[in-house]
């Protein structure tokens, strides 16, 4: 069984800039309000189905 090196040597990896903690580069309050009005909240609606709704169709089969 041969072993292969899955990580490139440091000399071949691309340079990655560190994240900056500059808060002045963020959104202004006005821009935040405008985006909230246009796009809405950053949330996913609950699309889960009630368990009873999954069980009811089973009673409409020929042999319930």
N, C-alpha and C. Protein backbone atom coordinates (compact mmCIF):
# COMPACT_ATOMS: atom_id res chain seq x y z
N UNK A 1 0.85 -1.17 0.00
CA UNK A 1 0.00 0.00 0.00
C UNK A 1 0.90 1.23 0.00
N UNK A 2 0.72 2.11 -0.98
CA UNK A 2 1.56 3.30 -1.05
C UNK A 2 0.87 4.47 -0.37
N UNK A 3 1.65 5.31 0.21
CA UNK A 3 1.09 6.49 0.85
C UNK A 3 1.31 7.69 -0.06
N UNK A 4 0.29 8.51 -0.22
CA UNK A 4 0.41 9.70 -1.05
C UNK A 4 0.25 10.92 -0.17
N UNK A 5 0.99 11.94 -0.47
CA UNK A 5 0.93 13.18 0.28
C UNK A 5 -0.17 14.05 -0.32
N UNK A 6 -1.26 14.29 0.41
CA UNK A 6 -2.38 15.06 -0.09
C UNK A 6 -2.23 16.55 0.14
N UNK A 7 -1.22 16.96 0.88
CA UNK A 7 -1.00 18.37 1.19
C UNK A 7 0.21 18.86 0.39
N UNK A 8 0.00 19.96 -0.35
CA UNK A 8 1.09 20.51 -1.15
C UNK A 8 2.13 21.14 -0.23
N UNK A 9 3.39 21.12 -0.64
CA UNK A 9 4.42 21.79 0.16
C UNK A 9 4.13 23.29 0.27
N UNK A 10 4.63 23.91 1.34
CA UNK A 10 4.34 25.33 1.59
C UNK A 10 4.76 26.21 0.42
N UNK A 11 5.80 25.85 -0.30
CA UNK A 11 6.26 26.66 -1.41
C UNK A 11 5.28 26.65 -2.58
N UNK A 12 4.40 25.65 -2.67
CA UNK A 12 3.44 25.56 -3.77
C UNK A 12 2.04 26.05 -3.41
N UNK A 13 1.79 26.30 -2.14
CA UNK A 13 0.46 26.76 -1.72
C UNK A 13 0.30 28.25 -2.02
N UNK A 14 -0.92 28.69 -2.39
CA UNK A 14 -1.14 30.11 -2.63
C UNK A 14 -1.09 30.90 -1.32
N UNK A 15 -0.67 32.15 -1.41
CA UNK A 15 -0.61 33.01 -0.24
C UNK A 15 -2.02 33.47 0.13
N UNK A 16 -2.38 33.36 1.40
CA UNK A 16 -3.69 33.76 1.88
C UNK A 16 -3.51 34.92 2.84
N UNK A 17 -4.22 36.02 2.56
CA UNK A 17 -4.16 37.18 3.44
C UNK A 17 -4.96 36.92 4.71
N UNK A 18 -4.49 37.35 5.87
CA UNK A 18 -5.25 37.18 7.11
C UNK A 18 -6.47 38.08 7.12
N UNK A 19 -7.48 37.68 7.87
CA UNK A 19 -8.69 38.49 8.01
C UNK A 19 -8.36 39.76 8.78
N UNK A 20 -9.01 40.84 8.40
CA UNK A 20 -8.78 42.11 9.08
C UNK A 20 -9.92 42.38 10.05
N UNK A 21 -9.60 42.97 11.15
CA UNK A 21 -10.60 43.29 12.16
C UNK A 21 -10.99 44.76 12.09
N UNK A 22 -10.99 45.34 10.91
CA UNK A 22 -11.33 46.75 10.72
C UNK A 22 -12.85 46.88 10.63
N UNK A 23 -13.50 47.41 11.67
CA UNK A 23 -14.96 47.52 11.68
C UNK A 23 -15.45 48.67 10.81
N UNK A 24 -14.60 49.57 10.40
CA UNK A 24 -15.05 50.68 9.56
C UNK A 24 -15.36 50.21 8.14
N UNK A 25 -14.95 49.01 7.77
CA UNK A 25 -15.20 48.49 6.44
C UNK A 25 -16.55 47.79 6.35
N UNK A 26 -17.31 47.71 7.43
CA UNK A 26 -18.60 47.02 7.43
C UNK A 26 -19.71 47.88 6.87
N UNK A 27 -20.93 47.40 6.97
CA UNK A 27 -22.10 48.12 6.47
C UNK A 27 -22.47 49.25 7.43
N UNK A 28 -22.97 50.33 6.86
CA UNK A 28 -23.48 51.42 7.69
C UNK A 28 -24.89 51.05 8.15
N UNK A 29 -25.40 51.78 9.13
CA UNK A 29 -26.75 51.52 9.62
C UNK A 29 -27.78 51.75 8.53
N UNK A 30 -27.57 52.79 7.71
CA UNK A 30 -28.51 53.08 6.61
C UNK A 30 -28.53 51.94 5.60
N UNK A 31 -27.35 51.45 5.24
CA UNK A 31 -27.28 50.36 4.27
C UNK A 31 -27.89 49.08 4.84
N UNK A 32 -27.70 48.86 6.12
CA UNK A 32 -28.30 47.68 6.76
C UNK A 32 -29.81 47.77 6.73
N UNK A 33 -30.36 48.94 7.06
CA UNK A 33 -31.81 49.13 7.02
C UNK A 33 -32.36 48.94 5.61
N UNK A 34 -31.68 49.49 4.62
CA UNK A 34 -32.13 49.37 3.23
C UNK A 34 -32.12 47.91 2.78
N UNK A 35 -31.08 47.17 3.13
CA UNK A 35 -31.01 45.76 2.74
C UNK A 35 -32.08 44.94 3.45
N UNK A 36 -32.37 45.28 4.70
CA UNK A 36 -33.41 44.57 5.44
C UNK A 36 -34.77 44.81 4.80
N UNK A 37 -35.03 46.04 4.36
CA UNK A 37 -36.30 46.35 3.70
C UNK A 37 -36.41 45.64 2.35
N UNK A 38 -35.33 45.62 1.58
CA UNK A 38 -35.35 45.02 0.24
C UNK A 38 -35.35 43.51 0.29
N UNK A 39 -34.49 42.92 1.11
CA UNK A 39 -34.26 41.48 1.08
C UNK A 39 -34.94 40.72 2.21
N UNK A 40 -35.31 41.39 3.28
CA UNK A 40 -35.91 40.71 4.42
C UNK A 40 -34.85 40.16 5.35
N UNK A 41 -35.30 39.45 6.37
CA UNK A 41 -34.39 38.88 7.36
C UNK A 41 -33.60 37.73 6.76
N UNK A 42 -32.42 37.49 7.29
CA UNK A 42 -31.57 36.40 6.86
C UNK A 42 -32.00 35.14 7.60
N UNK A 43 -33.09 34.53 7.10
CA UNK A 43 -33.65 33.36 7.77
C UNK A 43 -34.24 32.41 6.74
N UNK A 44 -34.27 31.14 7.08
CA UNK A 44 -34.87 30.13 6.23
C UNK A 44 -36.23 29.77 6.84
N UNK A 45 -37.29 29.79 6.04
CA UNK A 45 -38.61 29.46 6.59
C UNK A 45 -38.68 27.99 7.01
N UNK A 46 -39.49 27.72 8.01
CA UNK A 46 -39.66 26.36 8.50
C UNK A 46 -40.53 25.60 7.50
N UNK A 47 -39.97 24.59 6.86
CA UNK A 47 -40.70 23.83 5.85
C UNK A 47 -40.98 22.41 6.31
N UNK A 48 -40.81 22.14 7.58
CA UNK A 48 -41.05 20.79 8.08
C UNK A 48 -42.54 20.47 8.01
N UNK A 49 -42.86 19.22 7.74
CA UNK A 49 -44.24 18.77 7.61
C UNK A 49 -44.66 18.13 8.93
N UNK A 50 -45.87 18.41 9.34
CA UNK A 50 -46.40 17.84 10.57
C UNK A 50 -46.47 16.32 10.43
N UNK A 51 -46.09 15.57 11.47
CA UNK A 51 -46.10 14.10 11.39
C UNK A 51 -47.48 13.51 11.04
N UNK A 52 -48.55 14.14 11.50
CA UNK A 52 -49.89 13.65 11.20
C UNK A 52 -50.18 13.75 9.71
N UNK A 53 -49.65 14.80 9.07
CA UNK A 53 -49.85 14.95 7.62
C UNK A 53 -49.12 13.84 6.86
N UNK A 54 -48.03 13.34 7.39
CA UNK A 54 -47.33 12.22 6.76
C UNK A 54 -48.07 10.90 6.99
N UNK A 55 -48.79 10.77 8.11
CA UNK A 55 -49.45 9.51 8.45
C UNK A 55 -50.81 9.35 7.77
N UNK A 56 -51.52 10.44 7.52
CA UNK A 56 -52.87 10.35 6.96
C UNK A 56 -52.94 9.66 5.60
N UNK A 57 -52.05 9.91 4.66
CA UNK A 57 -52.16 9.23 3.36
C UNK A 57 -52.05 7.71 3.44
N UNK A 58 -51.46 7.20 4.49
CA UNK A 58 -51.33 5.74 4.64
C UNK A 58 -52.67 5.06 4.87
N UNK A 59 -53.69 5.81 5.31
CA UNK A 59 -55.00 5.24 5.57
C UNK A 59 -55.87 5.23 4.33
N UNK A 60 -55.40 5.78 3.21
CA UNK A 60 -56.15 5.79 1.97
C UNK A 60 -55.67 4.69 1.02
N UNK A 61 -54.83 3.81 1.50
CA UNK A 61 -54.33 2.70 0.69
C UNK A 61 -55.39 1.59 0.66
N UNK A 62 -55.28 0.66 -0.30
CA UNK A 62 -56.27 -0.45 -0.36
C UNK A 62 -56.30 -1.30 0.91
N UNK A 63 -55.17 -1.48 1.56
CA UNK A 63 -55.11 -2.26 2.79
C UNK A 63 -54.50 -1.38 3.88
N UNK A 64 -55.32 -0.56 4.54
CA UNK A 64 -54.75 0.33 5.56
C UNK A 64 -54.40 -0.39 6.84
